[in-house]
N, C-alpha and C. Protein backbone atom coordinates (compact mmCIF):
# COMPACT_ATOMS: atom_id res chain seq x y z
N MET A 1 -22.84 126.31 81.77
CA MET A 1 -22.57 126.46 80.37
C MET A 1 -22.01 125.24 79.76
N THR A 2 -21.19 124.50 80.52
CA THR A 2 -20.57 123.31 80.05
C THR A 2 -21.62 122.24 79.67
N THR A 3 -22.68 122.22 80.49
CA THR A 3 -23.73 121.23 80.20
C THR A 3 -24.43 121.59 78.90
N GLN A 4 -24.51 122.87 78.57
CA GLN A 4 -25.14 123.25 77.32
C GLN A 4 -24.28 122.86 76.15
N LYS A 5 -22.93 122.94 76.29
CA LYS A 5 -22.04 122.51 75.20
C LYS A 5 -22.15 121.00 74.97
N LYS A 6 -22.25 120.30 76.14
CA LYS A 6 -22.34 118.85 76.02
C LYS A 6 -23.65 118.44 75.32
N ILE A 7 -24.71 119.13 75.66
CA ILE A 7 -26.02 118.81 75.04
C ILE A 7 -25.95 119.22 73.55
N LYS A 8 -25.28 120.33 73.29
CA LYS A 8 -25.19 120.82 71.90
C LYS A 8 -24.36 119.83 71.08
N LYS A 9 -23.26 119.29 71.67
CA LYS A 9 -22.37 118.38 70.98
C LYS A 9 -23.09 117.05 70.74
N LYS A 10 -23.92 116.66 71.66
CA LYS A 10 -24.64 115.36 71.50
C LYS A 10 -25.64 115.41 70.40
N LYS A 11 -26.31 116.61 70.29
CA LYS A 11 -27.30 116.76 69.22
C LYS A 11 -26.68 117.28 67.99
N ARG A 12 -26.53 116.45 67.00
CA ARG A 12 -25.96 116.86 65.70
C ARG A 12 -27.04 116.67 64.63
N PRO A 13 -27.80 117.73 64.37
CA PRO A 13 -28.83 117.53 63.37
C PRO A 13 -28.22 117.27 61.99
N LEU A 14 -28.93 116.57 61.18
CA LEU A 14 -28.46 116.23 59.85
C LEU A 14 -28.15 117.43 59.01
N LEU A 15 -28.91 118.45 59.21
CA LEU A 15 -28.72 119.72 58.47
C LEU A 15 -27.37 120.35 58.84
N TYR A 16 -26.97 120.24 60.12
CA TYR A 16 -25.70 120.77 60.59
C TYR A 16 -24.51 120.05 59.86
N ILE A 17 -24.64 118.73 59.78
CA ILE A 17 -23.60 117.94 59.15
C ILE A 17 -23.55 118.20 57.66
N LEU A 18 -24.67 118.14 57.00
CA LEU A 18 -24.72 118.29 55.53
C LEU A 18 -24.44 119.74 55.13
N GLY A 19 -24.75 120.67 55.98
CA GLY A 19 -24.51 122.07 55.69
C GLY A 19 -23.07 122.47 55.76
N GLY A 20 -22.19 121.64 56.32
CA GLY A 20 -20.81 121.91 56.45
C GLY A 20 -20.44 122.50 57.76
N GLY A 21 -21.30 122.61 58.73
CA GLY A 21 -20.97 123.17 60.02
C GLY A 21 -20.04 122.32 60.82
N ILE A 22 -19.99 120.99 60.48
CA ILE A 22 -19.08 120.09 61.17
C ILE A 22 -17.62 120.34 60.83
N LEU A 23 -17.43 120.97 59.64
CA LEU A 23 -16.09 121.28 59.21
C LEU A 23 -15.41 122.38 59.99
N SER A 24 -16.21 123.12 60.75
CA SER A 24 -15.66 124.24 61.61
C SER A 24 -15.35 123.74 63.03
N GLU A 25 -15.50 122.46 63.29
CA GLU A 25 -15.24 121.92 64.61
C GLU A 25 -13.70 121.85 64.83
N ASP A 26 -13.27 121.98 66.09
CA ASP A 26 -11.87 122.01 66.41
C ASP A 26 -11.19 120.73 66.04
N PHE A 27 -11.75 119.59 66.24
CA PHE A 27 -11.12 118.28 65.93
C PHE A 27 -10.89 118.21 64.42
N ILE A 28 -11.83 118.62 63.60
CA ILE A 28 -11.64 118.54 62.12
C ILE A 28 -10.53 119.52 61.71
N ILE A 29 -10.53 120.70 62.23
CA ILE A 29 -9.52 121.69 61.83
C ILE A 29 -8.11 121.23 62.23
N LYS A 30 -7.94 120.63 63.44
CA LYS A 30 -6.62 120.15 63.89
C LYS A 30 -6.11 119.02 63.06
N HIS A 31 -6.98 118.15 62.61
CA HIS A 31 -6.62 116.96 61.86
C HIS A 31 -6.93 116.94 60.40
N THR A 32 -6.90 118.12 59.80
CA THR A 32 -7.25 118.28 58.40
C THR A 32 -6.25 117.51 57.51
N ARG A 33 -4.97 117.64 57.79
CA ARG A 33 -4.01 116.89 56.97
C ARG A 33 -4.14 115.41 56.99
N MET A 34 -4.39 114.89 58.19
CA MET A 34 -4.59 113.44 58.35
C MET A 34 -5.81 113.02 57.59
N ILE A 35 -6.90 113.78 57.72
CA ILE A 35 -8.13 113.42 57.04
C ILE A 35 -7.92 113.43 55.49
N VAL A 36 -7.28 114.47 54.99
CA VAL A 36 -6.98 114.58 53.50
C VAL A 36 -6.15 113.35 53.10
N LEU A 37 -5.12 112.97 53.84
CA LEU A 37 -4.30 111.86 53.57
C LEU A 37 -5.13 110.57 53.54
N ILE A 38 -5.96 110.38 54.45
CA ILE A 38 -6.80 109.20 54.54
C ILE A 38 -7.75 109.09 53.33
N VAL A 39 -8.31 110.25 52.96
CA VAL A 39 -9.23 110.25 51.81
C VAL A 39 -8.46 109.95 50.54
N ILE A 40 -7.27 110.47 50.40
CA ILE A 40 -6.41 110.16 49.21
C ILE A 40 -6.07 108.71 49.17
N LEU A 41 -5.72 108.15 50.30
CA LEU A 41 -5.38 106.69 50.34
C LEU A 41 -6.64 105.86 50.03
N ILE A 42 -7.78 106.23 50.47
CA ILE A 42 -8.98 105.50 50.16
C ILE A 42 -9.26 105.50 48.67
N PHE A 43 -9.10 106.67 48.02
CA PHE A 43 -9.26 106.72 46.56
C PHE A 43 -8.22 105.90 45.86
N PHE A 44 -6.99 105.94 46.35
CA PHE A 44 -5.94 105.10 45.77
C PHE A 44 -6.26 103.64 45.86
N PHE A 45 -6.70 103.19 47.03
CA PHE A 45 -7.03 101.76 47.15
C PHE A 45 -8.25 101.35 46.33
N ILE A 46 -9.23 102.17 46.25
CA ILE A 46 -10.38 101.90 45.40
C ILE A 46 -9.96 101.77 43.97
N GLY A 47 -9.18 102.71 43.49
CA GLY A 47 -8.69 102.62 42.12
C GLY A 47 -7.82 101.42 41.88
N ASN A 48 -7.01 101.08 42.84
CA ASN A 48 -6.15 99.91 42.68
C ASN A 48 -6.99 98.61 42.63
N ARG A 49 -8.02 98.52 43.42
CA ARG A 49 -8.89 97.36 43.41
C ARG A 49 -9.65 97.26 42.10
N TYR A 50 -10.10 98.37 41.60
CA TYR A 50 -10.81 98.39 40.31
C TYR A 50 -9.88 97.87 39.19
N THR A 51 -8.67 98.36 39.19
CA THR A 51 -7.70 97.89 38.19
C THR A 51 -7.40 96.45 38.26
N CYS A 52 -7.26 95.95 39.48
CA CYS A 52 -7.02 94.50 39.70
C CYS A 52 -8.15 93.67 39.25
N MET A 53 -9.37 94.11 39.52
CA MET A 53 -10.59 93.38 39.07
C MET A 53 -10.65 93.37 37.58
N GLN A 54 -10.30 94.42 36.90
CA GLN A 54 -10.29 94.44 35.44
C GLN A 54 -9.27 93.43 34.88
N LYS A 55 -8.07 93.42 35.47
CA LYS A 55 -7.05 92.49 35.03
C LYS A 55 -7.41 91.04 35.31
N LEU A 56 -8.08 90.78 36.41
CA LEU A 56 -8.54 89.43 36.70
C LEU A 56 -9.58 88.97 35.68
N ARG A 57 -10.48 89.89 35.34
CA ARG A 57 -11.47 89.50 34.24
C ARG A 57 -10.79 89.24 32.94
N GLU A 58 -9.76 90.06 32.58
CA GLU A 58 -9.02 89.84 31.39
C GLU A 58 -8.28 88.48 31.37
N ILE A 59 -7.73 88.14 32.52
CA ILE A 59 -7.00 86.86 32.68
C ILE A 59 -7.98 85.71 32.52
N ASP A 60 -9.18 85.80 33.12
CA ASP A 60 -10.18 84.78 32.97
C ASP A 60 -10.65 84.59 31.52
N ARG A 61 -10.81 85.72 30.85
CA ARG A 61 -11.19 85.71 29.41
C ARG A 61 -10.13 85.09 28.55
N LEU A 62 -8.86 85.44 28.81
CA LEU A 62 -7.81 84.81 28.03
C LEU A 62 -7.60 83.32 28.34
N GLN A 63 -7.83 82.90 29.53
CA GLN A 63 -7.71 81.49 29.90
C GLN A 63 -8.78 80.69 29.20
N GLN A 64 -10.01 81.27 29.17
CA GLN A 64 -11.07 80.58 28.45
C GLN A 64 -10.76 80.48 26.96
N GLN A 65 -10.22 81.57 26.39
CA GLN A 65 -9.85 81.56 24.98
C GLN A 65 -8.76 80.53 24.75
N LEU A 66 -7.82 80.44 25.65
CA LEU A 66 -6.70 79.43 25.52
C LEU A 66 -7.28 78.02 25.54
N ARG A 67 -8.24 77.76 26.48
CA ARG A 67 -8.87 76.40 26.53
C ARG A 67 -9.53 76.08 25.19
N ASP A 68 -10.28 77.06 24.60
CA ASP A 68 -10.95 76.91 23.37
C ASP A 68 -9.98 76.56 22.23
N VAL A 69 -8.87 77.30 22.17
CA VAL A 69 -7.87 77.07 21.13
C VAL A 69 -7.20 75.72 21.31
N ARG A 70 -6.89 75.35 22.53
CA ARG A 70 -6.24 74.03 22.78
C ARG A 70 -7.17 72.90 22.31
N PHE A 71 -8.47 73.05 22.67
CA PHE A 71 -9.45 72.04 22.23
C PHE A 71 -9.53 72.00 20.72
N GLU A 72 -9.53 73.09 20.06
CA GLU A 72 -9.62 73.14 18.60
C GLU A 72 -8.36 72.55 18.00
N ALA A 73 -7.19 72.83 18.56
CA ALA A 73 -5.96 72.28 18.05
C ALA A 73 -5.94 70.75 18.25
N LEU A 74 -6.43 70.23 19.34
CA LEU A 74 -6.50 68.82 19.63
C LEU A 74 -7.41 68.12 18.69
N SER A 75 -8.59 68.71 18.40
CA SER A 75 -9.55 68.13 17.45
C SER A 75 -8.96 68.08 16.03
N ILE A 76 -8.31 69.15 15.61
CA ILE A 76 -7.73 69.20 14.26
C ILE A 76 -6.62 68.14 14.17
N SER A 77 -5.78 68.02 15.26
CA SER A 77 -4.72 67.04 15.25
C SER A 77 -5.25 65.62 15.15
N SER A 78 -6.27 65.32 15.89
CA SER A 78 -6.85 64.00 15.80
C SER A 78 -7.54 63.75 14.47
N GLU A 79 -8.13 64.77 13.85
CA GLU A 79 -8.71 64.60 12.54
C GLU A 79 -7.60 64.35 11.48
N LEU A 80 -6.52 65.02 11.63
CA LEU A 80 -5.37 64.84 10.70
C LEU A 80 -4.79 63.46 10.84
N THR A 81 -4.68 62.99 12.09
CA THR A 81 -4.15 61.67 12.32
C THR A 81 -5.03 60.63 11.73
N GLY A 82 -6.34 60.78 11.92
CA GLY A 82 -7.29 59.83 11.24
C GLY A 82 -7.23 59.86 9.78
N ASN A 83 -7.11 61.04 9.18
CA ASN A 83 -7.06 61.13 7.71
C ASN A 83 -5.72 60.64 7.12
N SER A 84 -4.69 60.58 7.87
CA SER A 84 -3.34 60.21 7.32
C SER A 84 -3.14 58.70 7.45
N ARG A 85 -4.07 57.94 7.93
CA ARG A 85 -3.92 56.49 8.01
C ARG A 85 -3.93 55.87 6.59
N GLN A 86 -3.20 54.85 6.38
CA GLN A 86 -3.06 54.30 5.04
C GLN A 86 -4.42 53.81 4.52
N SER A 87 -5.24 53.18 5.32
CA SER A 87 -6.52 52.75 4.86
C SER A 87 -7.42 53.94 4.48
N GLN A 88 -7.34 55.01 5.13
CA GLN A 88 -8.12 56.17 4.83
C GLN A 88 -7.63 56.80 3.46
N ILE A 89 -6.34 56.84 3.34
CA ILE A 89 -5.78 57.38 2.07
C ILE A 89 -6.21 56.54 0.89
N GLU A 90 -6.13 55.22 1.06
CA GLU A 90 -6.52 54.32 -0.02
C GLU A 90 -8.03 54.49 -0.38
N MET A 91 -8.85 54.72 0.61
CA MET A 91 -10.30 54.93 0.39
C MET A 91 -10.51 56.20 -0.32
N LEU A 92 -9.77 57.25 0.04
CA LEU A 92 -9.94 58.56 -0.66
C LEU A 92 -9.46 58.48 -2.11
N ILE A 93 -8.41 57.71 -2.38
CA ILE A 93 -7.91 57.53 -3.70
C ILE A 93 -8.93 56.81 -4.58
N GLU A 94 -9.56 55.78 -3.98
CA GLU A 94 -10.59 55.08 -4.73
C GLU A 94 -11.81 55.93 -5.03
N GLU A 95 -12.24 56.76 -4.04
CA GLU A 95 -13.39 57.58 -4.20
C GLU A 95 -13.19 58.63 -5.33
N GLN A 96 -11.99 59.11 -5.48
CA GLN A 96 -11.68 60.16 -6.46
C GLN A 96 -11.32 59.51 -7.85
N GLY A 97 -11.23 58.21 -7.90
CA GLY A 97 -10.97 57.56 -9.14
C GLY A 97 -9.54 57.70 -9.68
N ILE A 98 -8.59 57.91 -8.85
CA ILE A 98 -7.22 58.01 -9.23
C ILE A 98 -6.63 56.57 -9.31
N GLU A 99 -5.92 56.32 -10.39
CA GLU A 99 -5.41 54.97 -10.59
C GLU A 99 -4.04 54.78 -9.92
N LEU A 100 -4.05 54.64 -8.69
CA LEU A 100 -2.82 54.37 -7.88
C LEU A 100 -3.06 53.10 -7.09
N GLU A 101 -2.00 52.37 -6.93
CA GLU A 101 -2.08 51.16 -6.09
C GLU A 101 -0.97 51.19 -5.08
N SER A 102 -1.17 50.53 -3.98
CA SER A 102 -0.16 50.51 -2.94
C SER A 102 0.89 49.49 -3.38
N ALA A 103 2.12 49.75 -2.87
CA ALA A 103 3.26 48.89 -3.29
C ALA A 103 3.07 47.50 -2.70
N LYS A 104 3.41 46.51 -3.56
CA LYS A 104 3.30 45.15 -3.11
C LYS A 104 4.56 44.64 -2.40
N THR A 105 5.72 45.26 -2.71
CA THR A 105 6.95 44.90 -2.11
C THR A 105 7.37 46.00 -1.08
N PRO A 106 8.03 45.65 -0.02
CA PRO A 106 8.45 46.69 0.97
C PRO A 106 9.58 47.51 0.38
N PRO A 107 9.74 48.67 0.85
CA PRO A 107 10.84 49.58 0.34
C PRO A 107 12.23 49.02 0.76
N TYR A 108 13.22 49.29 -0.10
CA TYR A 108 14.59 48.88 0.20
C TYR A 108 15.36 50.02 0.75
N VAL A 109 16.26 49.69 1.67
CA VAL A 109 17.18 50.68 2.19
C VAL A 109 18.51 50.57 1.47
N VAL A 110 18.98 51.62 0.85
CA VAL A 110 20.22 51.59 0.08
C VAL A 110 21.31 52.25 0.95
N TYR A 111 22.44 51.54 1.17
CA TYR A 111 23.53 52.08 1.92
C TYR A 111 24.59 52.49 0.96
N LYS A 112 25.44 53.48 1.25
CA LYS A 112 26.58 53.89 0.46
C LYS A 112 27.78 53.10 0.74
């Protein structure tokens, strides 16, 4: 009879496993708590990984947005620097027809 049990244990048809017959085995019944704990931990780790992946994607998106904003700020700053040069201001004044001239004498510093 023991050889029949060994043969029966070796042959596990797919229908036996999918039908739930494996849940009535002694090993499964004895270790039900451990199996439930392992399944809960697996779900926890999968959820944790999913949350981490979402946060990493958000960090990458924000870093790209930061690079874009820095580049835009740098280009605006360089444009402002170029437009605030004295020669550029004089050219803009002439283009608009405003009758202003640059000072011929340097400014004086008045002390008290």
